[in-house]
């Protein structure tokens, strides 16, 4: 994990079993890429399946949770508007 001085954060995480995250709301924008397996992002109740190589941008303030099965995911969370505009254009 990397924590930037401006509140940005980057993490590469691995989950070795089926799991689900609790619903949460971030005060920053989040960009994610699924590296391996399948990750199901749940945005305000809508399930969005993401497979290896697929990416998603979640704007700050959006309710989200997830479900996954042995997934590897890279996430980058941006604390500044300039960083967020970069992610939106990826």
Protein backbone atom coordinates (compact mmCIF):
# COMPACT_ATOMS: atom_id res chain seq x y z
CA UNK A 1 0.00 0.00 0.00
CA UNK A 2 1.11 3.55 -0.76
CA UNK A 3 -0.31 6.60 1.05
CA UNK A 4 0.35 9.95 -0.64
CA UNK A 5 0.74 13.26 1.20
CA UNK A 6 -2.35 14.59 -0.63
CA UNK A 7 -4.60 11.79 0.65
CA UNK A 8 -4.19 9.58 -2.41
CA UNK A 9 -3.68 5.87 -1.92
CA UNK A 10 -2.74 2.86 -4.03
CA UNK A 11 -3.11 -0.77 -3.00
CA UNK A 12 -2.71 -4.18 -4.61
CA UNK A 13 -4.68 -6.77 -2.72
CA UNK A 14 -5.37 -10.48 -3.01
CA UNK A 15 -8.28 -12.41 -1.57
CA UNK A 16 -7.82 -16.20 -1.48
CA UNK A 17 -11.46 -17.05 -0.78
CA UNK A 18 -14.99 -15.99 -1.60
CA UNK A 19 -15.90 -12.86 0.32
CA UNK A 20 -18.08 -9.75 0.33
CA UNK A 21 -17.26 -6.26 1.56
CA UNK A 22 -19.62 -4.10 3.58
CA UNK A 23 -21.31 -1.13 1.93
CA UNK A 24 -19.19 2.00 2.16
CA UNK A 25 -18.95 5.55 0.85
CA UNK A 26 -15.53 7.05 0.12
CA UNK A 27 -14.75 10.75 0.27
CA UNK A 28 -12.39 10.31 -2.67
CA UNK A 29 -12.56 8.99 -6.23
CA UNK A 30 -11.53 5.37 -6.79
CA UNK A 31 -10.13 3.68 -9.89
CA UNK A 32 -9.71 -0.10 -9.96
CA UNK A 33 -8.35 -2.78 -12.27
CA UNK A 34 -9.06 -6.48 -11.81
CA UNK A 35 -5.80 -8.34 -12.29
CA UNK A 36 -7.00 -11.91 -11.85
CA UNK A 37 -10.31 -13.78 -11.44
CA UNK A 38 -13.67 -12.01 -11.10
CA UNK A 39 -14.69 -9.10 -8.88
CA UNK A 40 -18.30 -7.99 -8.56
CA UNK A 41 -18.67 -4.31 -7.77
CA UNK A 42 -22.05 -3.37 -6.29
CA UNK A 43 -22.92 0.28 -6.90
CA UNK A 44 -26.08 1.45 -5.15
CA UNK A 45 -27.52 -2.08 -5.39
CA UNK A 46 -26.53 -2.75 -9.03
CA UNK A 47 -24.10 -5.65 -9.58
CA UNK A 48 -21.29 -4.94 -12.04
CA UNK A 49 -19.13 -8.00 -12.79
CA UNK A 50 -15.52 -7.19 -13.65
CA UNK A 51 -13.13 -9.79 -15.05
CA UNK A 52 -9.34 -9.82 -15.37
CA UNK A 53 -8.17 -6.80 -17.37
CA UNK A 54 -11.35 -4.77 -16.84
CA UNK A 55 -11.38 -1.46 -14.98
CA UNK A 56 -13.91 0.79 -13.28
CA UNK A 57 -14.03 4.34 -11.95
CA UNK A 58 -16.16 5.07 -8.86
CA UNK A 59 -16.72 8.78 -8.11
CA UNK A 60 -16.49 9.96 -4.52
CA UNK A 61 -19.73 9.82 -2.51
CA UNK A 62 -21.16 6.74 -4.30
CA UNK A 63 -22.40 3.85 -2.13
CA UNK A 64 -20.49 0.70 -2.99
CA UNK A 65 -19.73 -2.80 -1.83
CA UNK A 66 -18.29 -5.85 -3.55
CA UNK A 67 -18.21 -9.60 -3.82
CA UNK A 68 -15.28 -11.63 -5.10
CA UNK A 69 -13.89 -15.10 -5.51
CA UNK A 70 -10.11 -15.43 -5.18
CA UNK A 71 -9.53 -12.03 -6.78
CA UNK A 72 -6.45 -9.87 -7.23
CA UNK A 73 -7.28 -6.17 -7.60
CA UNK A 74 -5.27 -2.97 -7.94
CA UNK A 75 -7.03 0.11 -6.58
CA UNK A 76 -6.01 3.75 -6.69
CA UNK A 77 -7.91 6.27 -4.57
CA UNK A 78 -7.49 9.92 -5.39
CA UNK A 79 -7.84 12.70 -2.86
CA UNK A 80 -7.40 15.67 -5.19
CA UNK A 81 -9.60 16.84 -8.08
CA UNK A 82 -6.63 16.96 -10.48
CA UNK A 83 -5.88 13.28 -9.85
CA UNK A 84 -9.55 12.38 -10.24
CA UNK A 85 -9.77 14.06 -13.63
CA UNK A 86 -6.81 11.97 -14.80
CA UNK A 87 -8.54 8.72 -13.73
CA UNK A 88 -11.78 9.68 -15.42
CA UNK A 89 -9.95 9.95 -18.73
CA UNK A 90 -8.18 6.57 -18.53
